[in-house]
PDB file of N, CA and C in Angstrom:
ATOM      1  N   UNK A   1      -5.994   5.559  -5.753  1.00  0.00           N
ATOM      2  CA  UNK A   1      -5.144   5.475  -4.548  1.00  0.00           C
ATOM      3  C   UNK A   1      -3.756   5.518  -5.209  1.00  0.00           C
ATOM      4  N   UNK A   2      -2.997   6.640  -4.953  1.00  0.00           N
ATOM      5  CA  UNK A   2      -1.722   6.786  -5.277  1.00  0.00           C
ATOM      6  C   UNK A   2      -0.954   6.265  -4.170  1.00  0.00           C
ATOM      7  N   UNK A   3       0.136   5.242  -4.565  1.00  0.00           N
ATOM      8  CA  UNK A   3       0.968   4.611  -3.454  1.00  0.00           C
ATOM      9  C   UNK A   3       2.571   4.856  -3.948  1.00  0.00           C
ATOM     10  N   UNK A   4       3.371   5.570  -3.102  1.00  0.00           N
ATOM     11  CA  UNK A   4       4.750   5.685  -3.648  1.00  0.00           C
ATOM     12  C   UNK A   4       5.661   4.955  -2.654  1.00  0.00           C
ATOM     13  N   UNK A   5       6.316   4.151  -3.167  1.00  0.00           N
ATOM     14  CA  UNK A   5       7.228   3.249  -2.378  1.00  0.00           C
ATOM     15  C   UNK A   5       8.784   3.295  -2.793  1.00  0.00           C
ATOM     16  N   UNK A   6       9.789   3.653  -1.800  1.00  0.00           N
ATOM     17  CA  UNK A   6      11.118   3.563  -2.171  1.00  0.00           C
ATOM     18  C   UNK A   6      11.702   2.948  -1.232  1.00  0.00           C
ATOM     19  N   UNK A   7      13.216   2.694  -1.460  1.00  0.00           N
ATOM     20  CA  UNK A   7      14.172   1.845  -0.627  1.00  0.00           C
ATOM     21  C   UNK A   7      15.332   2.494  -0.920  1.00  0.00           C
ATOM     22  N   UNK A   8      16.233   2.522   0.177  1.00  0.00           N
ATOM     23  CA  UNK A   8      17.523   3.455   0.042  1.00  0.00           C
ATOM     24  C   UNK A   8      18.666   2.419   0.473  1.00  0.00           C
ATOM     25  N   UNK A   9      18.666   1.398   0.147  1.00  0.00           N
ATOM     26  CA  UNK A   9      19.621   0.388   0.693  1.00  0.00           C
ATOM     27  C   UNK A   9      20.693   0.135  -0.422  1.00  0.00           C
ATOM     28  N   UNK A  10      21.693  -0.937  -0.236  1.00  0.00           N
ATOM     29  CA  UNK A  10      22.570  -1.354  -1.186  1.00  0.00           C
ATOM     30  C   UNK A  10      22.244  -2.021  -2.173  1.00  0.00           C
ATOM     31  N   UNK A  11      21.119  -2.655  -2.156  1.00  0.00           N
ATOM     32  CA  UNK A  11      20.561  -3.534  -3.223  1.00  0.00           C
ATOM     33  C   UNK A  11      19.356  -3.595  -3.412  1.00  0.00           C
ATOM     34  N   UNK A  12      18.624  -4.135  -4.548  1.00  0.00           N
ATOM     35  CA  UNK A  12      17.381  -4.265  -4.564  1.00  0.00           C
ATOM     36  C   UNK A  12      16.743  -5.305  -3.768  1.00  0.00           C
ATOM     37  N   UNK A  13      15.347  -5.035  -3.322  1.00  0.00           N
ATOM     38  CA  UNK A  13      14.497  -5.693  -2.497  1.00  0.00           C
ATOM     39  C   UNK A  13      13.337  -5.947  -3.232  1.00  0.00           C
ATOM     40  N   UNK A  14      12.576  -7.036  -2.580  1.00  0.00           N
ATOM     41  CA  UNK A  14      11.131  -7.161  -2.758  1.00  0.00           C
ATOM     42  C   UNK A  14      10.393  -6.844  -1.403  1.00  0.00           C
ATOM     43  N   UNK A  15       9.562  -5.897  -1.472  1.00  0.00           N
ATOM     44  CA  UNK A  15       8.851  -5.305  -0.211  1.00  0.00           C
ATOM     45  C   UNK A  15       7.323  -6.044  -0.301  1.00  0.00           C
ATOM     46  N   UNK A  16       7.083  -6.492   1.253  1.00  0.00           N
ATOM     47  CA  UNK A  16       5.687  -6.621   1.430  1.00  0.00           C
ATOM     48  C   UNK A  16       4.908  -5.476   2.135  1.00  0.00           C
ATOM     49  N   UNK A  17       3.975  -4.847   1.282  1.00  0.00           N
ATOM     50  CA  UNK A  17       3.352  -3.675   1.459  1.00  0.00           C
ATOM     51  C   UNK A  17       1.820  -4.152   1.696  1.00  0.00           C
ATOM     52  N   UNK A  18       1.281  -3.444   2.833  1.00  0.00           N
ATOM     53  CA  UNK A  18      -0.044  -3.778   3.333  1.00  0.00           C
ATOM     54  C   UNK A  18      -0.770  -2.434   3.629  1.00  0.00           C
ATOM     55  N   UNK A  19      -1.720  -1.977   2.997  1.00  0.00           N
ATOM     56  CA  UNK A  19      -2.482  -1.095   3.070  1.00  0.00           C
ATOM     57  C   UNK A  19      -4.176  -1.352   3.257  1.00  0.00           C
ATOM     58  N   UNK A  20      -4.566  -1.094   4.771  1.00  0.00           N
ATOM     59  CA  UNK A  20      -5.664  -1.259   4.985  1.00  0.00           C
ATOM     60  C   UNK A  20      -6.713  -0.339   4.107  1.00  0.00           C
ATOM     61  N   UNK A  21      -7.969  -0.829   4.002  1.00  0.00           N
ATOM     62  CA  UNK A  21      -8.919   0.120   3.475  1.00  0.00           C
ATOM     63  C   UNK A  21      -9.983   0.506   4.331  1.00  0.00           C
ATOM     64  N   UNK A  22     -10.564   1.725   4.209  1.00  0.00           N
ATOM     65  CA  UNK A  22     -11.842   2.036   5.060  1.00  0.00           C
ATOM     66  C   UNK A  22     -12.861   1.292   4.801  1.00  0.00           C
ATOM     67  N   UNK A  23     -14.039   1.408   5.562  1.00  0.00           N
ATOM     68  CA  UNK A  23     -15.257   0.489   5.385  1.00  0.00           C
ATOM     69  C   UNK A  23     -15.854   0.734   4.135  1.00  0.00           C
ATOM     70  N   UNK A  24     -16.371  -0.305   3.304  1.00  0.00           N
ATOM     71  CA  UNK A  24     -16.960  -0.035   2.016  1.00  0.00           C
ATOM     72  C   UNK A  24     -16.251   0.029   0.910  1.00  0.00           C
ATOM     73  N   UNK A  25     -14.820   0.021   1.053  1.00  0.00           N
ATOM     74  CA  UNK A  25     -13.905   0.474  -0.149  1.00  0.00           C
ATOM     75  C   UNK A  25     -13.313  -0.912  -0.488  1.00  0.00           C
ATOM     76  N   UNK A  26     -13.111  -1.005  -1.841  1.00  0.00           N
ATOM     77  CA  UNK A  26     -12.577  -2.228  -2.476  1.00  0.00           C
ATOM     78  C   UNK A  26     -11.828  -1.930  -3.716  1.00  0.00           C
ATOM     79  N   UNK A  27     -10.719  -2.855  -3.941  1.00  0.00           N
ATOM     80  CA  UNK A  27     -10.232  -2.743  -5.341  1.00  0.00           C
ATOM     81  C   UNK A  27     -11.050  -2.884  -6.563  1.00  0.00           C
ATOM     82  N   UNK A  28     -11.347  -1.800  -7.233  1.00  0.00           N
ATOM     83  CA  UNK A  28     -12.152  -1.626  -8.280  1.00  0.00           C
ATOM     84  C   UNK A  28     -12.085  -2.443  -9.565  1.00  0.00           C
ATOM     85  N   UNK A  29     -11.091  -2.890  -9.774  1.00  0.00           N
ATOM     86  CA  UNK A  29     -10.595  -3.805 -10.880  1.00  0.00           C
ATOM     87  C   UNK A  29      -9.255  -4.553 -10.746  1.00  0.00           C
ATOM     88  N   UNK A  30      -9.056  -5.773 -11.454  1.00  0.00           N
ATOM     89  CA  UNK A  30      -7.876  -6.606 -11.395  1.00  0.00           C
ATOM     90  C   UNK A  30      -6.696  -5.726 -11.642  1.00  0.00           C
ATOM     91  N   UNK A  31      -5.866  -5.666 -10.664  1.00  0.00           N
ATOM     92  CA  UNK A  31      -4.678  -5.048 -11.014  1.00  0.00           C
ATOM     93  C   UNK A  31      -3.359  -5.940 -10.662  1.00  0.00           C
ATOM     94  N   UNK A  32      -2.594  -5.970 -11.622  1.00  0.00           N
ATOM     95  CA  UNK A  32      -1.361  -6.804 -11.702  1.00  0.00           C
ATOM     96  C   UNK A  32      -0.301  -6.481 -10.270  1.00  0.00           C
ATOM     97  N   UNK A  33      -0.258  -7.589  -9.701  1.00  0.00           N
ATOM     98  CA  UNK A  33       0.595  -7.227  -8.389  1.00  0.00           C
ATOM     99  C   UNK A  33       0.094  -6.899  -7.408  1.00  0.00           C
ATOM    100  N   UNK A  34      -1.397  -6.835  -7.324  1.00  0.00           N
ATOM    101  CA  UNK A  34      -2.188  -6.274  -6.019  1.00  0.00           C
ATOM    102  C   UNK A  34      -3.026  -7.170  -5.859  1.00  0.00           C
ATOM    103  N   UNK A  35      -3.502  -7.759  -4.520  1.00  0.00           N
ATOM    104  CA  UNK A  35      -4.599  -8.422  -4.260  1.00  0.00           C
ATOM    105  C   UNK A  35      -5.280  -7.621  -3.047  1.00  0.00           C
ATOM    106  N   UNK A  36      -6.466  -8.129  -2.994  1.00  0.00           N
ATOM    107  CA  UNK A  36      -7.409  -7.389  -1.742  1.00  0.00           C
ATOM    108  C   UNK A  36      -7.460  -8.619  -1.116  1.00  0.00           C
ATOM    109  N   UNK A  37      -6.958  -8.695   0.469  1.00  0.00           N
ATOM    110  CA  UNK A  37      -7.244  -9.827   1.180  1.00  0.00           C
ATOM    111  C   UNK A  37      -7.733  -9.177   2.298  1.00  0.00           C
ATOM    112  N   UNK A  38      -8.864  -9.600   3.100  1.00  0.00           N
ATOM    113  CA  UNK A  38      -9.324  -9.289   4.407  1.00  0.00           C
ATOM    114  C   UNK A  38      -9.417  -7.776   4.554  1.00  0.00           C
ATOM    115  N   UNK A  39     -10.002  -6.999   3.645  1.00  0.00           N
ATOM    116  CA  UNK A  39     -10.139  -5.466   3.840  1.00  0.00           C
ATOM    117  C   UNK A  39      -8.843  -4.762   3.885  1.00  0.00           C
ATOM    118  N   UNK A  40      -7.849  -5.361   3.164  1.00  0.00           N
ATOM    119  CA  UNK A  40      -6.387  -4.509   2.843  1.00  0.00           C
ATOM    120  C   UNK A  40      -5.871  -4.928   1.688  1.00  0.00           C
ATOM    121  N   UNK A  41      -5.169  -3.990   0.867  1.00  0.00           N
ATOM    122  CA  UNK A  41      -4.549  -4.138  -0.322  1.00  0.00           C
ATOM    123  C   UNK A  41      -3.107  -4.772   0.128  1.00  0.00           C
ATOM    124  N   UNK A  42      -2.642  -5.940  -0.504  1.00  0.00           N
ATOM    125  CA  UNK A  42      -1.362  -6.459  -0.451  1.00  0.00           C
ATOM    126  C   UNK A  42      -0.580  -6.258  -1.710  1.00  0.00           C
ATOM    127  N   UNK A  43       0.536  -5.791  -1.530  1.00  0.00           N
ATOM    128  CA  UNK A  43       1.426  -5.599  -2.839  1.00  0.00           C
ATOM    129  C   UNK A  43       2.853  -6.139  -2.347  1.00  0.00           C
ATOM    130  N   UNK A  44       3.448  -6.638  -3.512  1.00  0.00           N
ATOM    131  CA  UNK A  44       4.824  -7.265  -3.379  1.00  0.00           C
ATOM    132  C   UNK A  44       5.594  -6.361  -4.463  1.00  0.00           C
ATOM    133  N   UNK A  45       5.921  -5.242  -4.553  1.00  0.00           N
ATOM    134  CA  UNK A  45       6.880  -4.727  -5.553  1.00  0.00           C
ATOM    135  C   UNK A  45       8.475  -4.838  -5.273  1.00  0.00           C
ATOM    136  N   UNK A  46       9.149  -4.797  -6.416  1.00  0.00           N
ATOM    137  CA  UNK A  46      10.405  -5.054  -6.402  1.00  0.00           C
ATOM    138  C   UNK A  46      11.001  -3.574  -6.270  1.00  0.00           C
ATOM    139  N   UNK A  47      11.929  -3.004  -5.282  1.00  0.00           N
ATOM    140  CA  UNK A  47      12.273  -1.615  -5.298  1.00  0.00           C
ATOM    141  C   UNK A  47      13.824  -1.791  -5.568  1.00  0.00           C
ATOM    142  N   UNK A  48      14.333  -0.713  -6.578  1.00  0.00           N
ATOM    143  CA  UNK A  48      15.556  -0.471  -6.863  1.00  0.00           C
ATOM    144  C   UNK A  48      16.481   0.055  -5.432  1.00  0.00           C
ATOM    145  N   UNK A  49      17.870  -0.165  -5.763  1.00  0.00           N
ATOM    146  CA  UNK A  49      18.662   0.048  -4.576  1.00  0.00           C
ATOM    147  C   UNK A  49      18.846   1.749  -4.305  1.00  0.00           C
ATOM    148  N   UNK A  50      18.706   2.524  -5.474  1.00  0.00           N
ATOM    149  CA  UNK A  50      19.386   3.817  -5.452  1.00  0.00           C
ATOM    150  C   UNK A  50      18.153   4.738  -4.798  1.00  0.00           C
ATOM    151  N   UNK A  51      16.962   4.245  -4.420  1.00  0.00           N
ATOM    152  CA  UNK A  51      16.115   4.952  -3.808  1.00  0.00           C
ATOM    153  C   UNK A  51      14.986   5.723  -4.733  1.00  0.00           C
ATOM    154  N   UNK A  52      14.979   5.239  -6.085  1.00  0.00           N
ATOM    155  CA  UNK A  52      13.936   5.611  -6.917  1.00  0.00           C
ATOM    156  C   UNK A  52      12.792   5.213  -6.499  1.00  0.00           C
ATOM    157  N   UNK A  53      11.769   6.257  -6.625  1.00  0.00           N
ATOM    158  CA  UNK A  53      10.239   5.999  -6.214  1.00  0.00           C
ATOM    159  C   UNK A  53       9.507   5.067  -7.067  1.00  0.00           C
ATOM    160  N   UNK A  54       8.718   4.215  -6.449  1.00  0.00           N
ATOM    161  CA  UNK A  54       7.820   3.254  -7.282  1.00  0.00           C
ATOM    162  C   UNK A  54       6.772   3.802  -7.079  1.00  0.00           C
ATOM    163  N   UNK A  55       6.073   4.536  -7.943  1.00  0.00           N
ATOM    164  CA  UNK A  55       4.611   4.935  -7.928  1.00  0.00           C
ATOM    165  C   UNK A  55       3.671   4.007  -8.581  1.00  0.00           C
ATOM    166  N   UNK A  56       2.639   3.669  -7.728  1.00  0.00           N
ATOM    167  CA  UNK A  56       1.468   2.800  -8.300  1.00  0.00           C
ATOM    168  C   UNK A  56       0.225   3.653  -8.168  1.00  0.00           C
ATOM    169  N   UNK A  57      -0.694   3.391  -9.183  1.00  0.00           N
ATOM    170  CA  UNK A  57      -1.862   4.158  -9.123  1.00  0.00           C
ATOM    171  C   UNK A  57      -3.063   2.721  -9.105  1.00  0.00           C
ATOM    172  N   UNK A  58      -3.876   2.749  -7.930  1.00  0.00           N
ATOM    173  CA  UNK A  58      -4.806   1.635  -7.754  1.00  0.00           C
ATOM    174  C   UNK A  58      -6.158   2.147  -7.876  1.00  0.00           C
ATOM    175  N   UNK A  59      -6.829   1.617  -8.648  1.00  0.00           N
ATOM    176  CA  UNK A  59      -8.467   2.056  -8.672  1.00  0.00           C
ATOM    177  C   UNK A  59      -9.204   1.261  -7.586  1.00  0.00           C
ATOM    178  N   UNK A  60      -9.742   2.218  -6.719  1.00  0.00           N
ATOM    179  CA  UNK A  60     -10.534   2.006  -5.439  1.00  0.00           C
ATOM    180  C   UNK A  60     -11.882   2.427  -5.821  1.00  0.00           C
ATOM    181  N   UNK A  61     -12.943   1.629  -5.315  1.00  0.00           N
ATOM    182  CA  UNK A  61     -14.435   1.997  -5.384  1.00  0.00           C
ATOM    183  C   UNK A  61     -14.847   1.952  -3.781  1.00  0.00           C
ATOM    184  N   UNK A  62     -15.398   3.227  -3.699  1.00  0.00           N
ATOM    185  CA  UNK A  62     -16.014   3.347  -2.285  1.00  0.00           C
ATOM    186  C   UNK A  62     -17.615   3.205  -2.345  1.00  0.00           C
ATOM    187  N   UNK A  63     -18.092   2.383  -1.574  1.00  0.00           N
ATOM    188  CA  UNK A  63     -19.524   2.037  -1.306  1.00  0.00           C
ATOM    189  C   UNK A  63     -20.147   2.998  -0.691  1.00  0.00           C
ATOM    190  N   UNK A  64     -19.478   3.753   0.348  1.00  0.00           N
ATOM    191  CA  UNK A  64     -20.072   4.281   1.637  1.00  0.00           C
ATOM    192  C   UNK A  64     -19.543   5.840   1.420  1.00  0.00           C
ATOM    193  N   UNK A  65     -20.260   6.758   1.633  1.00  0.00           N
ATOM    194  CA  UNK A  65     -19.739   8.192   1.918  1.00  0.00           C
ATOM    195  C   UNK A  65     -19.582   8.451   3.250  1.00  0.00           C
ATOM    196  N   UNK A  66     -18.691   9.609   3.622  1.00  0.00           N
ATOM    197  CA  UNK A  66     -18.503   9.791   5.030  1.00  0.00           C
ATOM    198  C   UNK A  66     -17.071  10.272   5.196  1.00  0.00           C
ATOM    199  N   UNK A  67     -16.796  10.559   6.665  1.00  0.00           N
ATOM    200  CA  UNK A  67     -15.336  10.831   7.084  1.00  0.00           C
ATOM    201  C   UNK A  67     -14.866   9.598   7.636  1.00  0.00           C
ATOM    202  N   UNK A  68     -13.714   9.026   7.150  1.00  0.00           N
ATOM    203  CA  UNK A  68     -13.278   7.913   7.799  1.00  0.00           C
ATOM    204  C   UNK A  68     -11.723   8.250   8.134  1.00  0.00           C
ATOM    205  N   UNK A  69     -11.216   7.321   9.191  1.00  0.00           N
ATOM    206  CA  UNK A  69      -9.832   7.139   9.465  1.00  0.00           C
ATOM    207  C   UNK A  69      -9.146   6.054   8.719  1.00  0.00           C
ATOM    208  N   UNK A  70      -8.240   6.212   7.845  1.00  0.00           N
ATOM    209  CA  UNK A  70      -7.816   5.035   7.204  1.00  0.00           C
ATOM    210  C   UNK A  70      -6.485   4.425   8.271  1.00  0.00           C
ATOM    211  N   UNK A  71      -6.639   3.402   8.595  1.00  0.00           N
ATOM    212  CA  UNK A  71      -5.522   2.997   9.601  1.00  0.00           C
ATOM    213  C   UNK A  71      -3.991   2.968   8.836  1.00  0.00           C
ATOM    214  N   UNK A  72      -3.076   2.752   9.675  1.00  0.00           N
ATOM    215  CA  UNK A  72      -1.631   2.821   9.151  1.00  0.00           C
ATOM    216  C   UNK A  72      -1.321   1.711   8.235  1.00  0.00           C
ATOM    217  N   UNK A  73      -0.592   2.278   7.397  1.00  0.00           N
ATOM    218  CA  UNK A  73      -0.103   1.316   6.136  1.00  0.00           C
ATOM    219  C   UNK A  73       1.359   0.633   6.612  1.00  0.00           C
ATOM    220  N   UNK A  74       1.749  -0.488   6.523  1.00  0.00           N
ATOM    221  CA  UNK A  74       3.036  -1.043   6.932  1.00  0.00           C
ATOM    222  C   UNK A  74       3.541  -1.589   5.843  1.00  0.00           C
ATOM    223  N   UNK A  75       5.146  -1.498   5.774  1.00  0.00           N
ATOM    224  CA  UNK A  75       5.959  -2.298   4.625  1.00  0.00           C
ATOM    225  C   UNK A  75       7.027  -2.879   5.374  1.00  0.00           C
ATOM    226  N   UNK A  76       7.363  -3.930   4.782  1.00  0.00           N
ATOM    227  CA  UNK A  76       8.621  -4.542   5.283  1.00  0.00           C
ATOM    228  C   UNK A  76       9.347  -5.549   4.284  1.00  0.00           C
ATOM    229  N   UNK A  77      10.557  -5.846   4.457  1.00  0.00           N
ATOM    230  CA  UNK A  77      11.138  -6.860   3.477  1.00  0.00           C
ATOM    231  C   UNK A  77      10.371  -8.073   3.428  1.00  0.00           C
ATOM    232  N   UNK A  78       9.984  -8.732   2.115  1.00  0.00           N
ATOM    233  CA  UNK A  78       9.436  -9.739   1.883  1.00  0.00           C
ATOM    234  C   UNK A  78       9.962 -11.074   2.126  1.00  0.00           C
ATOM    235  N   UNK A  79      11.235 -11.471   2.032  1.00  0.00           N
ATOM    236  CA  UNK A  79      11.795 -12.681   2.222  1.00  0.00           C
ATOM    237  C   UNK A  79      12.735 -12.611   3.336  1.00  0.00           C
ATOM    238  N   UNK A  80      13.073 -11.892   4.199  1.00  0.00           N
ATOM    239  CA  UNK A  80      14.172 -11.690   5.252  1.00  0.00           C
ATOM    240  C   UNK A  80      13.752 -10.935   6.230  1.00  0.00           C
ATOM    241  N   UNK A  81      14.400 -10.658   7.277  1.00  0.00           N
ATOM    242  CA  UNK A  81      14.225  -9.747   8.470  1.00  0.00           C
ATOM    243  C   UNK A  81      14.852  -8.490   8.231  1.00  0.00           C
ATOM    244  N   UNK A  82      14.235  -7.392   8.684  1.00  0.00           N
ATOM    245  CA  UNK A  82      14.752  -6.254   8.497  1.00  0.00           C
ATOM    246  C   UNK A  82      13.811  -5.246   9.203  1.00  0.00           C
ATOM    247  N   UNK A  83      14.111  -3.946   8.869  1.00  0.00           N
ATOM    248  CA  UNK A  83      13.281  -2.664   9.627  1.00  0.00           C
ATOM    249  C   UNK A  83      11.900  -2.792   8.745  1.00  0.00           C
ATOM    250  N   UNK A  84      11.163  -2.415   9.509  1.00  0.00           N
ATOM    251  CA  UNK A  84       9.702  -2.034   9.099  1.00  0.00           C
ATOM    252  C   UNK A  84       9.262  -0.657   9.027  1.00  0.00           C
ATOM    253  N   UNK A  85       8.462  -0.323   7.997  1.00  0.00           N
ATOM    254  CA  UNK A  85       8.166   1.190   7.776  1.00  0.00           C
ATOM    255  C   UNK A  85       6.758   1.240   8.063  1.00  0.00           C
ATOM    256  N   UNK A  86       6.307   2.439   8.537  1.00  0.00           N
ATOM    257  CA  UNK A  86       4.722   2.539   9.008  1.00  0.00           C
ATOM    258  C   UNK A  86       4.644   4.049   8.358  1.00  0.00           C
ATOM    259  N   UNK A  87       3.505   3.910   7.615  1.00  0.00           N
ATOM    260  CA  UNK A  87       2.790   5.035   7.380  1.00  0.00           C
ATOM    261  C   UNK A  87       1.521   5.704   8.049  1.00  0.00           C
ATOM    262  N   UNK A  88       1.559   6.697   8.788  1.00  0.00           N
ATOM    263  CA  UNK A  88       0.718   6.914   9.726  1.00  0.00           C
ATOM    264  C   UNK A  88      -0.706   6.811   9.384  1.00  0.00           C
ATOM    265  N   UNK A  89      -1.852   6.833  10.187  1.00  0.00           N
ATOM    266  CA  UNK A  89      -3.067   6.887   9.816  1.00  0.00           C
ATOM    267  C   UNK A  89      -3.479   8.107   9.392  1.00  0.00           C
ATOM    268  N   UNK A  90      -4.512   8.224   8.309  1.00  0.00           N
ATOM    269  CA  UNK A  90      -4.770   9.513   7.767  1.00  0.00           C
ATOM    270  C   UNK A  90      -6.174   9.653   7.875  1.00  0.00           C
ATOM    271  N   UNK A  91      -6.872  10.752   7.772  1.00  0.00           N
ATOM    272  CA  UNK A  91      -8.307  11.152   7.302  1.00  0.00           C
ATOM    273  C   UNK A  91      -8.709  10.939   6.241  1.00  0.00           C
ATOM    274  N   UNK A  92      -9.732  10.597   5.710  1.00  0.00           N
ATOM    275  CA  UNK A  92     -10.356  10.532   4.437  1.00  0.00           C
ATOM    276  C   UNK A  92     -11.752  10.941   4.369  1.00  0.00           C
ATOM    277  N   UNK A  93     -12.066  11.855   3.255  1.00  0.00           N
ATOM    278  CA  UNK A  93     -13.434  12.238   3.206  1.00  0.00           C
ATOM    279  C   UNK A  93     -13.960  11.646   1.793  1.00  0.00           C
ATOM    280  N   UNK A  94     -14.889  10.970   1.920  1.00  0.00           N
ATOM    281  CA  UNK A  94     -15.636  10.342   0.671  1.00  0.00           C
ATOM    282  C   UNK A  94     -16.985  10.854   0.308  1.00  0.00           C
ATOM    283  N   UNK A  95     -17.061  11.691  -0.734  1.00  0.00           N
ATOM    284  CA  UNK A  95     -18.466  12.436  -0.962  1.00  0.00           C
ATOM    285  C   UNK A  95     -19.312  11.590  -1.950  1.00  0.00           C
TER     286      UNK A  95
END
C-alpha cells in the first residue's frame, strides 16, 4: 500500500491518519510508526510545512480474493483542533 501525505500550512505538524482495511487484509510485517488497530492502519507522521509529500510504503497481506470497496481514509491534526481531510472510498480487486 502506498500512502502519500502532505501538509501546506505555515509550520510542521503531526498528523493522525487512519486507513481502514478491506476484509481479510492485515499489516504483513512490523513497520515503524504504523499500527493495526481494529481493522485499520493508524499512522502518526510528522509533516513538513512546505507541502513536501511524505510517501510511505506499507506491506499488506490479503487473505481473501475478490472485489472490495475500501472505506474512506481520514487524516487530522494529532494534538490540536483543525480541519480534517478525507480520501474517498475506492474499489479494490484482489486476485
